[in-house]
Amino acid sequence: MNTIFKHKILAGAVLFAALFAGTSCEDKIGPEVTPEAPYADKTLYEVIVADDNLTDFVEVLRACNLPGSKFDVADSLFNTSRVYTLWAPVNGAFKKDSVIKRINDGHRDDVMKTFVESHVANHLHAAKGIFEKNNFVMMVNDKMVVFEGSYKTGYKFGGRNLVDDNIKVLNGMLHKLEKASRYKYNIWEYLRMDKTTLGGHEIDSFANFLYSYNDTKFDEYQSIPGSLVNGEQTYLDSVFVTTNKLLSVYNGVGPIEAEDSLYDIYVPTNAVWNSFMKQAEKHFNYSTKNLPASIKADARYIDSLKHFYPRYNMVKYLTFSEYEQMYAEDDSLLPANRDKWERPVFKPGLFDGSVVYDEELSNGTFNIINKFPYSIFELWHDTIKIEGENTEMRISTNGVEEHRFFTVTRGQMRPVYRDYDKKGGSRLSGDSYYEAYTQGNTAKVSYRLPNVKSASYKIAIILVPKDISVESQEANKPACLNLSISQNGEQQPVYQATMISNDPNRVDTLFFPVSYIDKTPKPITFPYCEYYNTHKNTDFTTTLDITSWGLGTNDKTLRIDAILLIPVEDAE
């Protein structure tokens, strides 16, 4: 599910009137006023343009007029039959010349959103009674602003004092502010700030990656049609809907554009980002030869995979939801989006010493970090595990007779594998294993290897002995294994000389490949990455062949508990 934004491109007199189309039917009749009310027959527009102490605010409204248009923004905003509340900053409450300069510099829409609409709300909001600090008012720009106070202490809007209040007019209510309300950006908006606002720190690498997944489309069903021009439909109110898959609850950083939740986000500087990506991208070296059939195999798509996955796996661990924290144990930090796969839990203090800038925003705390706290092993380069009994990953058994044995729950008889714990063996992974028996001298089983990166791994095969029960007096035979891996259609033996035998009297882990000289395990480096998000096991083409040689005193039967690919850190 993608996060959705709506934004409108409006024309003519509909431009600002449409900003307030969300009021209820009862608002249209206006508030009740007594005959003695001085502005009972005047609109908000008429009142503010006649007020000598609100000329700065009115000048800003008029500066927002469309170039070359006789249309008056202030008139459109308040000279209607709808009901609004305006908290108007008095003269000297803000830097009028700076605001108008921003309009003239081409930032008119931004001024409308961050300044004008920050002082206007639908419906009546009178200053009366007692308002707590959690009394929020929804402004027409969808921001929540606190309107608090009492008749004894006075009232505040967005922390600013009211110098005059409850001025009833024909279509609403007017309050006056001693200082303009400060617009509070949310995290999503704040990512677009320049380095002068962010303490000199540059973060556009992080921001550009997220924003690059914005997808904006015209929505004719929510748009208001106008006349036909040359046979084509025009629109008075054109609604465009933007989605971004990286702001979904289940992907990326979480819905950091939402105003109804609180998050803590940690944004790396460009220097930190670029340094980490230099290391990360080499683990995502894709080849067109071994891509799944469902993926279009061209160079452009390969580059997009290499670009996307290291960045995606980085950003999704940098946002934490304060709501989700209520369910964390031991004050741990939980990522804002909790995918269906297991995600690590990080302890407080993880970012200590790395935060170089922070700011409280409308939906949480924005932090900039100059040090990345995770290694690639914590983000994506973790151990890959395939259970021996996994029928989806096991692709062939080379003509052998197949058996699967399960240990069972406590209190029930365990067939074959009765007292393995007493002999010092470890518990079986998943309480089960896979057995391949052959009438010949060799047994061979092949498995798909999912999500391998173009990186180095040690390969471990966990073998189960024939029988280690206390009652058994039979001498178990060791298995003698050889492994080979096929990737990109080219077979690469991971063991080339002496075969490796297990300890037949315990659950034993054999590491491959082994050095021919000193017999110590050495890593194997995969040249290509097979890391996809298609959720289809058949997409993985990297395969592992395990062969057991049953010659002489060796056991020809394969009993596989699990296969592990253990990542090895890159050599300097």
Protein backbone atom coordinates (compact mmCIF):
# COMPACT_ATOMS: atom_id res chain seq x y z
CA MET A 1 0.00 0.00 0.00
CA ASN A 2 1.46 3.34 -1.02
CA THR A 3 1.24 6.54 0.93
CA ILE A 4 -0.98 9.04 -0.87
CA PHE A 5 -0.70 12.82 -1.10
CA LYS A 6 -3.29 15.02 -2.80
CA HIS A 7 -2.53 18.40 -4.30
CA LYS A 8 -4.47 20.69 -6.58
CA ILE A 9 -3.65 22.98 -9.47
CA LEU A 10 -6.43 25.54 -9.56
CA ALA A 11 -7.32 28.32 -11.96
CA GLY A 12 -9.16 31.66 -11.77
CA ALA A 13 -11.44 32.54 -8.90
CA VAL A 14 -11.68 28.88 -7.84
CA LEU A 15 -8.03 28.91 -6.75
CA PHE A 16 -8.38 29.82 -3.12
CA ALA A 17 -12.09 29.28 -2.60
CA ALA A 18 -11.48 25.56 -3.19
CA LEU A 19 -9.05 25.46 -0.31
CA PHE A 20 -12.02 25.57 2.02
CA ALA A 21 -14.36 23.15 0.30
CA GLY A 22 -14.29 20.77 3.26
CA THR A 23 -16.71 22.63 5.56
CA SER A 24 -20.02 21.13 6.60
CA CYS A 25 -23.44 22.19 5.32
CA GLU A 26 -24.30 23.95 8.56
CA ASP A 27 -21.28 26.24 8.15
CA LYS A 28 -22.85 27.87 5.11
CA ILE A 29 -25.46 29.77 7.12
CA GLY A 30 -22.81 31.63 9.12
CA PRO A 31 -22.58 32.05 12.89
CA GLU A 32 -25.39 33.53 14.91
CA VAL A 33 -24.71 37.17 15.84
CA THR A 34 -26.71 39.70 17.76
CA PRO A 35 -27.91 42.93 16.12
CA GLU A 36 -25.51 44.79 18.42
CA ALA A 37 -22.46 42.99 16.96
CA PRO A 38 -20.52 45.67 15.04
CA TYR A 39 -19.60 43.33 12.16
CA ALA A 40 -22.78 41.29 11.90
CA ASP A 41 -23.23 42.25 8.25
CA LYS A 42 -19.55 42.27 7.22
CA THR A 43 -17.37 39.44 5.93
CA LEU A 44 -13.92 38.61 7.19
CA TYR A 45 -12.53 40.21 4.06
CA GLU A 46 -14.32 43.46 4.64
CA VAL A 47 -13.25 43.55 8.26
CA ILE A 48 -9.54 42.87 7.78
CA VAL A 49 -9.04 45.24 4.83
CA ALA A 50 -10.62 48.04 6.87
CA ASP A 51 -8.46 47.35 9.94
CA ASP A 52 -5.43 49.67 10.10
CA ASN A 53 -3.60 47.17 12.32
CA LEU A 54 -3.84 44.29 9.79
CA THR A 55 -2.48 46.02 6.69
CA ASP A 56 0.71 43.91 6.66
CA PHE A 57 -1.30 40.69 6.53
CA VAL A 58 -3.59 42.05 3.81
CA GLU A 59 -0.57 43.13 1.73
CA VAL A 60 0.76 39.57 1.84
CA LEU A 61 -2.61 38.23 0.71
CA ARG A 62 -2.71 40.62 -2.22
CA ALA A 63 0.89 39.82 -3.14
CA CYS A 64 -0.29 36.24 -3.63
CA ASN A 65 -2.59 37.30 -6.48
CA LEU A 66 -2.03 35.52 -9.77
CA PRO A 67 0.16 37.61 -12.13
CA GLY A 68 -1.96 39.67 -14.52
CA SER A 69 -5.20 38.70 -12.78
CA LYS A 70 -7.79 41.04 -11.27
CA PHE A 71 -8.63 38.28 -8.85
CA ASP A 72 -8.20 39.31 -5.20
CA VAL A 73 -6.86 36.54 -2.96
CA ALA A 74 -8.07 38.14 0.24
CA ASP A 75 -11.53 38.58 -1.22
CA SER A 76 -11.60 34.93 -2.33
CA LEU A 77 -10.45 33.70 1.04
CA PHE A 78 -12.91 35.47 3.26
CA ASN A 79 -15.69 37.07 1.20
CA THR A 80 -17.77 33.88 1.02
CA SER A 81 -20.76 32.34 2.73
CA ARG A 82 -18.62 29.69 4.44
CA VAL A 83 -17.53 29.86 8.07
CA TYR A 84 -13.87 30.32 8.98
CA THR A 85 -11.79 31.35 11.94
CA LEU A 86 -8.84 33.65 11.24
CA TRP A 87 -5.98 34.27 13.64
CA ALA A 88 -4.56 37.38 11.93
CA PRO A 89 -1.08 38.60 12.93
CA VAL A 90 -1.07 42.34 13.62
CA ASN A 91 1.32 44.78 11.98
CA GLY A 92 4.88 44.17 13.10
CA ALA A 93 4.12 40.57 14.09
CA PHE A 94 6.14 39.21 11.16
CA LYS A 95 8.66 40.41 8.57
CA LYS A 96 6.30 41.50 5.84
CA ASP A 97 9.00 42.46 3.33
CA SER A 98 10.72 39.05 3.64
CA VAL A 99 7.45 37.20 3.07
CA ILE A 100 6.56 39.28 0.02
CA LYS A 101 10.08 38.80 -1.36
CA ARG A 102 9.59 35.03 -1.18
CA ILE A 103 6.39 35.41 -3.18
CA ASN A 104 8.14 37.53 -5.80
CA ASP A 105 11.00 35.01 -5.96
CA GLY A 106 8.60 32.34 -7.14
CA HIS A 107 7.60 30.74 -3.83
CA ARG A 108 3.99 31.92 -3.79
CA ASP A 109 2.46 28.48 -3.20
CA ASP A 110 4.85 27.84 -0.34
CA VAL A 111 3.90 31.15 1.30
CA MET A 112 0.23 30.29 0.95
CA LYS A 113 0.77 26.96 2.67
CA THR A 114 3.29 27.87 5.34
CA PHE A 115 2.06 31.37 6.20
CA VAL A 116 -1.46 32.27 5.07
CA GLU A 117 -3.09 28.87 5.58
CA SER A 118 -1.32 28.48 8.93
CA HIS A 119 -3.65 31.15 10.31
CA VAL A 120 -6.98 29.95 8.86
CA ALA A 121 -9.26 27.11 10.01
CA ASN A 122 -12.67 25.89 8.97
CA HIS A 123 -15.55 26.34 11.45
CA LEU A 124 -15.85 28.60 14.48
CA HIS A 125 -13.19 28.46 17.19
CA ALA A 126 -14.03 30.95 19.91
CA ALA A 127 -11.70 31.89 22.75
CA LYS A 128 -13.86 30.90 25.68
CA GLY A 129 -13.74 28.44 28.54
CA ILE A 130 -10.59 26.49 29.38
CA PHE A 131 -8.43 24.92 26.66
CA GLU A 132 -5.79 22.37 27.57
CA LYS A 133 -2.42 22.13 25.81
CA ASN A 134 -3.69 19.19 23.79
CA ASN A 135 -6.52 21.22 22.24
CA PHE A 136 -5.56 21.01 18.58
CA VAL A 137 -7.17 22.90 15.71
CA MET A 138 -6.94 21.54 12.16
CA MET A 139 -5.86 24.33 9.82
CA VAL A 140 -6.78 24.45 6.15
CA ASN A 141 -3.24 23.27 5.27
CA ASP A 142 -3.94 20.09 7.30
CA LYS A 143 -1.56 21.10 10.10
CA MET A 144 -2.56 20.74 13.74
CA VAL A 145 -2.02 23.88 15.88
CA VAL A 146 -2.59 24.15 19.64
CA PHE A 147 -5.24 26.68 20.73
CA GLU A 148 -4.94 26.91 24.53
CA GLY A 149 -5.65 29.11 27.54
CA SER A 150 -8.51 30.36 29.71
CA TYR A 151 -10.48 33.53 30.34
CA LYS A 152 -8.28 34.18 33.39
CA THR A 153 -4.81 33.65 31.89
CA GLY A 154 -5.59 34.65 28.32
CA TYR A 155 -5.41 32.56 25.15
CA LYS A 156 -2.59 31.43 22.89
CA PHE A 157 -2.57 30.12 19.37
CA GLY A 158 0.51 28.13 18.40
CA GLY A 159 2.21 29.57 21.47
CA ARG A 160 1.43 33.15 20.37
CA ASN A 161 -0.68 35.50 22.55
CA LEU A 162 -4.00 36.84 21.36
CA VAL A 163 -4.19 40.65 21.63
CA ASP A 164 -7.84 40.75 20.60
CA ASP A 165 -10.33 37.93 20.27
CA ASN A 166 -13.84 36.74 19.44
CA ILE A 167 -14.58 39.36 16.81
CA LYS A 168 -17.74 37.94 15.25
CA VAL A 169 -18.38 38.59 11.59
CA LEU A 170 -20.92 37.44 9.05
CA ASN A 171 -18.96 34.36 7.98
CA GLY A 172 -16.78 33.48 10.92
CA MET A 173 -14.58 34.64 13.74
CA LEU A 174 -11.50 36.88 13.88
CA HIS A 175 -8.73 36.79 16.48
CA LYS A 176 -5.61 38.95 16.42
CA LEU A 177 -2.10 37.66 17.21
CA GLU A 178 0.79 39.65 18.67
CA LYS A 179 3.19 37.43 16.68
CA ALA A 180 2.65 35.29 13.59
CA SER A 181 2.15 31.57 14.15
CA ARG A 182 5.21 29.53 13.27
CA TYR A 183 4.70 26.88 10.62
CA LYS A 184 6.02 23.52 11.80
CA TYR A 185 7.28 21.30 9.03
CA ASN A 186 6.79 17.57 9.20
CA ILE A 187 9.68 15.18 8.63
CA TRP A 188 8.84 14.58 4.98
CA GLU A 189 8.79 18.30 4.22
CA TYR A 190 11.90 19.01 6.28
CA LEU A 191 14.00 16.63 4.17
CA ARG A 192 13.84 19.26 1.44
CA MET A 193 15.44 22.00 3.53
CA ASP A 194 18.78 23.39 2.34
CA LYS A 195 21.98 23.17 4.35
CA THR A 196 21.66 26.75 5.68
CA THR A 197 18.58 25.64 7.61
CA LEU A 198 20.18 22.34 8.64
CA GLY A 199 23.20 23.77 10.39
CA GLY A 200 25.36 23.54 7.29
CA HIS A 201 24.83 19.78 6.87
CA GLU A 202 24.00 18.34 3.46
CA ILE A 203 21.52 15.44 3.40
CA ASP A 204 20.15 15.58 -0.15
CA SER A 205 21.51 12.11 -1.02
CA PHE A 206 19.12 10.55 1.50
CA ALA A 207 16.27 12.91 0.60
CA ASN A 208 16.64 12.53 -3.16
CA PHE A 209 16.50 8.74 -2.91
CA LEU A 210 13.16 8.85 -1.09
CA TYR A 211 11.66 11.61 -3.23
CA SER A 212 12.68 9.85 -6.44
CA TYR A 213 9.93 7.29 -5.77
CA ASN A 214 7.15 9.88 -5.86
CA ASP A 215 4.62 8.93 -8.53
CA THR A 216 2.15 11.70 -9.42
CA LYS A 217 -0.95 11.03 -11.52
CA PHE A 218 -3.95 13.11 -12.52
CA ASP A 219 -7.22 12.02 -10.87
CA GLU A 220 -10.13 13.03 -13.08
CA TYR A 221 -12.72 11.63 -10.66
CA GLN A 222 -11.73 14.06 -7.88
CA SER A 223 -11.19 16.98 -10.26
CA ILE A 224 -13.92 19.51 -11.04
CA PRO A 225 -14.63 19.70 -14.80
CA GLY A 226 -14.92 23.02 -16.59
CA SER A 227 -15.87 23.75 -20.17
CA LEU A 228 -14.89 21.95 -23.36
CA VAL A 229 -12.19 23.77 -25.31
CA ASN A 230 -11.58 22.60 -28.88
CA GLY A 231 -13.30 19.36 -28.01
CA GLU A 232 -11.14 18.69 -24.96
CA GLN A 233 -12.24 18.75 -21.32
CA THR A 234 -10.75 21.47 -19.12
CA TYR A 235 -10.84 21.46 -15.34
CA LEU A 236 -11.50 24.22 -12.83
CA ASP A 237 -10.00 22.10 -10.09
CA SER A 238 -7.35 19.57 -11.21
CA VAL A 239 -6.48 17.03 -8.52
CA PHE A 240 -3.20 15.13 -8.74
CA VAL A 241 -2.51 12.17 -6.48
CA THR A 242 1.08 11.33 -5.48
CA THR A 243 2.07 7.95 -4.10
CA ASN A 244 5.42 6.87 -2.69
CA LYS A 245 6.04 3.19 -1.99
CA LEU A 246 8.89 3.98 0.41
CA LEU A 247 6.52 5.75 2.81
CA SER A 248 4.24 2.78 3.22
CA VAL A 249 3.64 1.27 6.64
CA TYR A 250 5.31 -1.92 5.43
CA ASN A 251 8.23 -0.56 3.42
CA GLY A 252 11.00 2.00 3.59
CA VAL A 253 11.02 4.60 6.34
CA GLY A 254 7.32 4.48 7.24
CA PRO A 255 4.63 7.19 6.76
CA ILE A 256 6.75 10.17 7.83
CA GLU A 257 4.48 12.60 5.98
CA ALA A 258 1.56 11.79 8.32
CA GLU A 259 0.61 14.41 10.91
CA ASP A 260 -1.17 11.97 13.21
CA SER A 261 1.88 10.01 14.38
CA LEU A 262 5.25 10.75 15.96
CA TYR A 263 8.60 9.49 14.67
CA ASP A 264 12.30 9.81 15.38
CA ILE A 265 14.33 9.84 12.18
CA TYR A 266 18.12 9.72 11.84
CA VAL A 267 19.34 11.09 8.52
CA PRO A 268 22.97 10.52 7.46
CA THR A 269 24.99 13.33 5.95
CA ASN A 270 26.01 13.04 2.32
CA ALA A 271 29.54 12.08 3.39
CA VAL A 272 28.29 9.20 5.54
CA TRP A 273 25.80 8.09 2.87
CA ASN A 274 28.33 8.09 0.04
CA SER A 275 30.98 6.28 2.06
CA PHE A 276 28.57 3.53 3.03
CA MET A 277 27.22 3.14 -0.50
CA LYS A 278 30.72 2.75 -1.88
CA GLN A 279 31.07 -0.35 0.28
CA ALA A 280 27.48 -1.54 -0.13
CA GLU A 281 27.00 -1.43 -3.89
CA LYS A 282 29.69 -3.99 -4.64
CA HIS A 283 27.55 -6.60 -2.86
CA PHE A 284 24.77 -6.08 -5.44
CA ASN A 285 26.53 -7.02 -8.66
CA TYR A 286 23.76 -8.47 -10.83
CA SER A 287 24.11 -10.37 -14.09
CA THR A 288 21.60 -10.48 -16.93
CA LYS A 289 22.37 -14.19 -17.39
CA ASN A 290 20.86 -15.39 -14.11
CA LEU A 291 17.92 -13.03 -13.59
CA PRO A 292 14.50 -14.66 -13.08
CA ALA A 293 12.30 -14.97 -16.15
CA SER A 294 9.80 -12.60 -14.50
CA ILE A 295 12.38 -9.78 -14.51
CA LYS A 296 13.28 -7.96 -17.70
CA ALA A 297 16.98 -8.60 -18.20
CA ASP A 298 18.56 -5.43 -19.53
CA ALA A 299 21.45 -3.28 -18.37
CA ARG A 300 19.19 -0.46 -17.22
CA TYR A 301 17.20 -2.73 -14.95
CA ILE A 302 20.38 -4.27 -13.56
CA ASP A 303 21.63 -0.80 -12.65
CA SER A 304 18.33 0.02 -10.96
CA LEU A 305 18.57 -3.10 -8.76
CA LYS A 306 22.12 -2.25 -7.80
CA HIS A 307 21.04 1.29 -6.95
CA PHE A 308 17.85 0.42 -5.09
CA TYR A 309 18.58 -2.45 -2.72
CA PRO A 310 21.59 -1.14 -0.76
CA ARG A 311 19.84 2.21 -0.25
CA TYR A 312 16.48 0.67 0.56
CA ASN A 313 18.01 -1.65 3.15
CA MET A 314 19.78 1.31 4.70
CA VAL A 315 16.93 3.83 5.00
CA LYS A 316 14.36 1.46 6.50
CA TYR A 317 16.41 1.12 9.70
CA LEU A 318 16.63 4.85 10.40
CA THR A 319 13.06 5.72 11.43
CA PHE A 320 11.44 4.76 14.71
CA SER A 321 7.76 5.12 15.62
CA GLU A 322 7.00 6.42 19.08
CA TYR A 323 3.70 4.53 18.93
CA GLU A 324 5.47 1.22 18.27
CA GLN A 325 7.82 1.95 21.17
CA MET A 326 4.98 1.21 23.56
CA TYR A 327 5.30 -2.44 22.53
CA ALA A 328 9.10 -2.66 22.72
CA GLU A 329 10.77 -4.60 25.50
CA ASP A 330 13.56 -3.23 27.68
CA ASP A 331 13.28 0.25 26.14
CA SER A 332 14.57 -1.06 22.83
CA LEU A 333 14.13 0.89 19.61
CA LEU A 334 11.83 -0.64 17.02
CA PRO A 335 11.96 0.38 13.36
CA ALA A 336 8.87 2.35 12.27
CA ASN A 337 7.92 -0.24 9.69
CA ARG A 338 7.89 -3.85 10.82
CA ASP A 339 8.13 -6.11 7.80
CA LYS A 340 6.94 -9.69 7.79
CA TRP A 341 10.53 -10.88 8.12
CA GLU A 342 12.38 -10.72 11.42
CA ARG A 343 13.93 -7.33 12.12
CA PRO A 344 16.60 -6.53 14.68
CA VAL A 345 15.78 -4.52 17.77
CA PHE A 346 18.24 -1.76 18.59
CA LYS A 347 18.97 -0.50 22.08
CA PRO A 348 18.89 3.16 23.16
CA GLY A 349 22.28 4.76 22.85
CA LEU A 350 22.81 3.40 19.36
CA PHE A 351 23.03 6.93 17.94
CA ASP A 352 24.84 8.49 20.91
CA GLY A 353 27.68 10.73 19.79
CA SER A 354 26.60 10.69 16.14
CA VAL A 355 23.78 13.30 16.19
CA VAL A 356 25.08 16.65 14.94
CA TYR A 357 21.73 18.40 14.43
CA ASP A 358 18.19 17.93 15.74
CA GLU A 359 14.88 19.71 15.38
CA GLU A 360 11.41 19.16 16.83
CA LEU A 361 8.90 19.01 14.00
CA SER A 362 5.14 18.65 13.75
CA ASN A 363 5.29 14.83 13.68
CA GLY A 364 8.47 13.98 15.53
CA THR A 365 12.18 14.62 15.92
CA PHE A 366 14.52 15.14 12.99
CA ASN A 367 18.14 14.13 13.61
CA ILE A 368 21.20 14.36 11.36
CA ILE A 369 24.01 11.87 12.04
CA ASN A 370 27.66 12.00 11.00
CA LYS A 371 28.33 8.33 11.73
CA PHE A 372 26.39 5.29 10.58
CA PRO A 373 25.77 2.92 13.51
CA TYR A 374 25.16 -0.29 11.56
CA SER A 375 27.36 -2.65 9.64
CA ILE A 376 26.24 -4.35 6.44
CA PHE A 377 25.73 -7.53 8.51
CA GLU A 378 22.96 -5.80 10.47
CA LEU A 379 21.22 -4.47 7.37
CA TRP A 380 21.19 -7.21 4.76
CA HIS A 381 24.33 -9.32 4.77
CA ASP A 382 23.19 -11.85 7.36
CA THR A 383 23.44 -15.64 7.47
CA ILE A 384 21.38 -17.45 4.85
CA LYS A 385 19.79 -20.64 6.16
CA ILE A 386 18.11 -23.44 4.20
CA GLU A 387 16.50 -26.27 6.12
CA GLY A 388 17.39 -29.72 4.80
CA GLU A 389 13.72 -30.71 4.73
CA ASN A 390 12.68 -27.59 2.75
CA THR A 391 10.90 -29.03 -0.29
CA GLU A 392 10.70 -25.67 -2.07
CA MET A 393 14.44 -25.06 -1.97
CA ARG A 394 15.43 -28.69 -2.58
CA ILE A 395 15.31 -29.17 -6.35
CA SER A 396 16.61 -32.72 -6.92
CA THR A 397 17.82 -35.89 -5.20
CA ASN A 398 19.47 -37.62 -8.15
CA GLY A 399 17.42 -40.80 -8.12
CA VAL A 400 17.76 -41.71 -4.44
CA GLU A 401 15.00 -42.92 -2.16
CA GLU A 402 13.87 -40.02 0.02
CA HIS A 403 12.98 -40.11 3.71
CA ARG A 404 12.14 -37.35 6.15
CA PHE A 405 12.28 -37.88 9.91
CA PHE A 406 10.90 -35.57 12.55
CA THR A 407 11.55 -35.36 16.23
CA VAL A 408 8.30 -34.82 18.08
CA THR A 409 7.11 -32.80 21.04
CA ARG A 410 8.03 -33.58 24.62
CA GLY A 411 6.24 -36.57 26.09
CA GLN A 412 6.05 -38.40 22.78
CA MET A 413 8.39 -40.98 21.32
CA ARG A 414 11.13 -39.67 19.06
CA PRO A 415 11.60 -42.08 16.17
CA VAL A 416 15.26 -42.72 15.27
CA TYR A 417 16.61 -39.76 17.21
CA ARG A 418 15.71 -40.50 20.81
CA ASP A 419 18.42 -39.16 23.12
CA TYR A 420 20.58 -36.88 21.05
CA ASP A 421 20.69 -34.18 23.76
CA LYS A 422 22.31 -36.59 26.24
CA LYS A 423 25.16 -37.29 23.87
CA GLY A 424 26.18 -33.65 23.66
CA GLY A 425 24.63 -32.97 20.30
CA SER A 426 22.75 -29.74 19.61
CA ARG A 427 19.01 -29.61 18.97
CA LEU A 428 17.95 -30.01 15.41
CA SER A 429 17.02 -26.85 13.52
CA GLY A 430 13.25 -26.96 13.17
CA ASP A 431 13.23 -30.30 15.03
CA SER A 432 13.58 -32.12 11.73
CA TYR A 433 16.04 -33.15 9.06
CA TYR A 434 16.17 -34.67 5.59
CA GLU A 435 17.53 -38.11 4.77
CA ALA A 436 18.51 -39.39 1.33
CA TYR A 437 19.28 -43.10 1.00
CA THR A 438 20.68 -44.77 -2.10
CA GLN A 439 21.26 -48.36 -3.19
CA GLY A 440 24.45 -47.23 -4.94
CA ASN A 441 27.64 -45.74 -3.56
CA THR A 442 26.78 -42.04 -3.78
CA ALA A 443 23.86 -39.89 -2.74
CA LYS A 444 23.44 -36.40 -4.20
CA VAL A 445 21.04 -33.62 -3.20
CA SER A 446 20.73 -30.15 -4.77
CA TYR A 447 19.31 -26.97 -3.22
CA ARG A 448 18.57 -23.45 -4.38
CA LEU A 449 20.51 -20.76 -2.50
CA PRO A 450 18.30 -17.68 -1.97
CA ASN A 451 19.36 -14.04 -1.65
CA VAL A 452 23.10 -14.53 -2.07
CA LYS A 453 25.04 -11.29 -2.53
CA SER A 454 28.12 -10.77 -4.65
CA ALA A 455 30.17 -11.30 -1.51
CA SER A 456 32.14 -13.88 0.45
CA TYR A 457 30.65 -16.68 2.55
CA LYS A 458 31.70 -19.67 4.55
CA ILE A 459 29.43 -22.61 3.79
CA ALA A 460 28.34 -24.92 6.59
CA ILE A 461 26.50 -28.23 6.30
CA ILE A 462 24.94 -29.56 9.51
CA LEU A 463 24.79 -33.35 9.44
CA VAL A 464 22.83 -35.73 11.64
CA PRO A 465 24.33 -39.15 12.59
CA LYS A 466 22.47 -42.36 11.92
CA ASP A 467 21.72 -43.14 15.57
CA ILE A 468 23.13 -41.86 18.84
CA SER A 469 20.57 -43.28 21.22
CA VAL A 470 21.79 -44.56 24.57
CA GLU A 471 20.55 -48.07 23.79
CA SER A 472 22.36 -48.34 20.46
CA GLN A 473 25.67 -50.21 20.37
CA GLU A 474 26.06 -49.87 16.62
CA ALA A 475 29.15 -48.04 15.44
CA ASN A 476 28.11 -45.07 13.31
CA LYS A 477 29.97 -44.42 10.09
CA PRO A 478 31.11 -40.95 9.07
CA ALA A 479 29.77 -39.35 5.92
CA CYS A 480 32.27 -38.07 3.36
CA LEU A 481 31.00 -35.01 1.48
CA ASN A 482 31.90 -33.04 -1.60
CA LEU A 483 30.21 -29.75 -2.56
CA SER A 484 29.90 -27.73 -5.72
CA ILE A 485 28.06 -24.52 -6.53
CA SER A 486 26.57 -23.42 -9.84
CA GLN A 487 25.91 -19.75 -10.47
CA ASN A 488 25.23 -18.01 -13.76
CA GLY A 489 25.34 -21.41 -15.47
CA GLU A 490 28.98 -22.02 -14.56
CA GLN A 491 29.89 -24.67 -12.00
CA GLN A 492 32.37 -23.61 -9.36
CA PRO A 493 33.65 -26.36 -7.02
CA VAL A 494 33.98 -25.04 -3.50
CA TYR A 495 36.04 -28.04 -2.50
CA GLN A 496 38.63 -29.40 -4.87
CA ALA A 497 40.86 -31.95 -3.08
CA THR A 498 40.39 -34.02 0.06
CA MET A 499 36.78 -34.69 1.00
CA ILE A 500 35.46 -33.77 4.45
CA SER A 501 34.03 -36.25 6.94
CA ASN A 502 31.81 -35.57 9.91
CA ASP A 503 31.89 -36.82 13.48
CA PRO A 504 29.34 -39.68 13.32
CA ASN A 505 28.46 -39.53 17.01
CA ARG A 506 27.01 -36.04 17.25
CA VAL A 507 25.22 -33.38 15.27
CA ASP A 508 28.24 -32.04 13.42
CA THR A 509 28.81 -28.89 11.39
CA LEU A 510 31.18 -29.15 8.41
CA PHE A 511 32.63 -25.96 6.93
CA PHE A 512 33.46 -25.60 3.25
CA PRO A 513 35.69 -24.94 1.45
CA VAL A 514 38.74 -26.17 3.32
CA SER A 515 42.25 -25.06 2.51
CA TYR A 516 44.24 -27.81 0.83
CA ILE A 517 47.33 -26.68 2.75
CA ASP A 518 46.27 -26.07 6.36
CA LYS A 519 42.78 -27.67 6.28
CA THR A 520 41.16 -24.49 7.67
CA PRO A 521 37.83 -23.21 6.28
CA LYS A 522 38.16 -20.52 3.63
CA PRO A 523 35.41 -18.29 2.24
CA ILE A 524 34.05 -18.55 -1.27
CA THR A 525 33.20 -15.36 -3.15
CA PHE A 526 30.06 -15.28 -5.26
CA PRO A 527 30.59 -13.11 -8.35
CA TYR A 528 26.90 -12.26 -8.75
CA CYS A 529 24.02 -11.22 -6.55
CA GLU A 530 20.63 -12.94 -6.52
CA TYR A 531 18.67 -10.69 -4.19
CA TYR A 532 15.12 -10.02 -5.39
CA ASN A 533 11.78 -9.07 -3.96
CA THR A 534 9.60 -11.32 -6.10
CA HIS A 535 8.80 -13.76 -3.26
CA LYS A 536 9.19 -16.74 -5.60
CA ASN A 537 11.65 -19.46 -4.65
CA THR A 538 11.92 -20.53 -8.28
CA ASP A 539 13.51 -17.17 -9.10
CA PHE A 540 16.79 -18.22 -7.50
CA THR A 541 19.16 -19.92 -9.92
CA THR A 542 22.24 -20.32 -7.70
CA THR A 543 22.40 -23.99 -6.69
CA LEU A 544 24.38 -26.12 -4.25
CA ASP A 545 25.11 -29.81 -4.92
CA ILE A 546 25.96 -32.05 -1.94
CA THR A 547 27.42 -35.48 -2.71
CA SER A 548 28.03 -38.24 -0.18
CA TRP A 549 30.51 -40.95 -1.12
CA GLY A 550 29.70 -44.27 0.52
CA LEU A 551 32.95 -46.08 -0.13
CA GLY A 552 34.86 -48.22 2.40
CA THR A 553 33.97 -47.25 5.95
CA ASN A 554 31.87 -44.21 4.97
CA ASP A 555 28.12 -43.85 5.36
CA LYS A 556 26.51 -43.45 1.95
CA THR A 557 23.29 -41.96 3.37
CA LEU A 558 22.88 -38.17 3.57
CA ARG A 559 21.17 -36.77 6.68
CA ILE A 560 20.97 -32.98 6.35
CA ASP A 561 19.69 -30.79 9.16
CA ALA A 562 20.44 -27.40 7.58
CA ILE A 563 22.71 -25.48 5.20
CA LEU A 564 24.22 -22.15 6.27
CA LEU A 565 25.89 -19.45 4.21
CA ILE A 566 27.78 -17.34 6.75
CA PRO A 567 28.90 -13.94 5.44
CA VAL A 568 32.53 -12.98 5.78
CA GLU A 569 33.57 -9.37 6.17
CA ASP A 570 35.31 -7.84 3.20
CA ALA A 571 39.09 -7.90 3.28
CA GLU A 572 40.68 -4.47 3.55
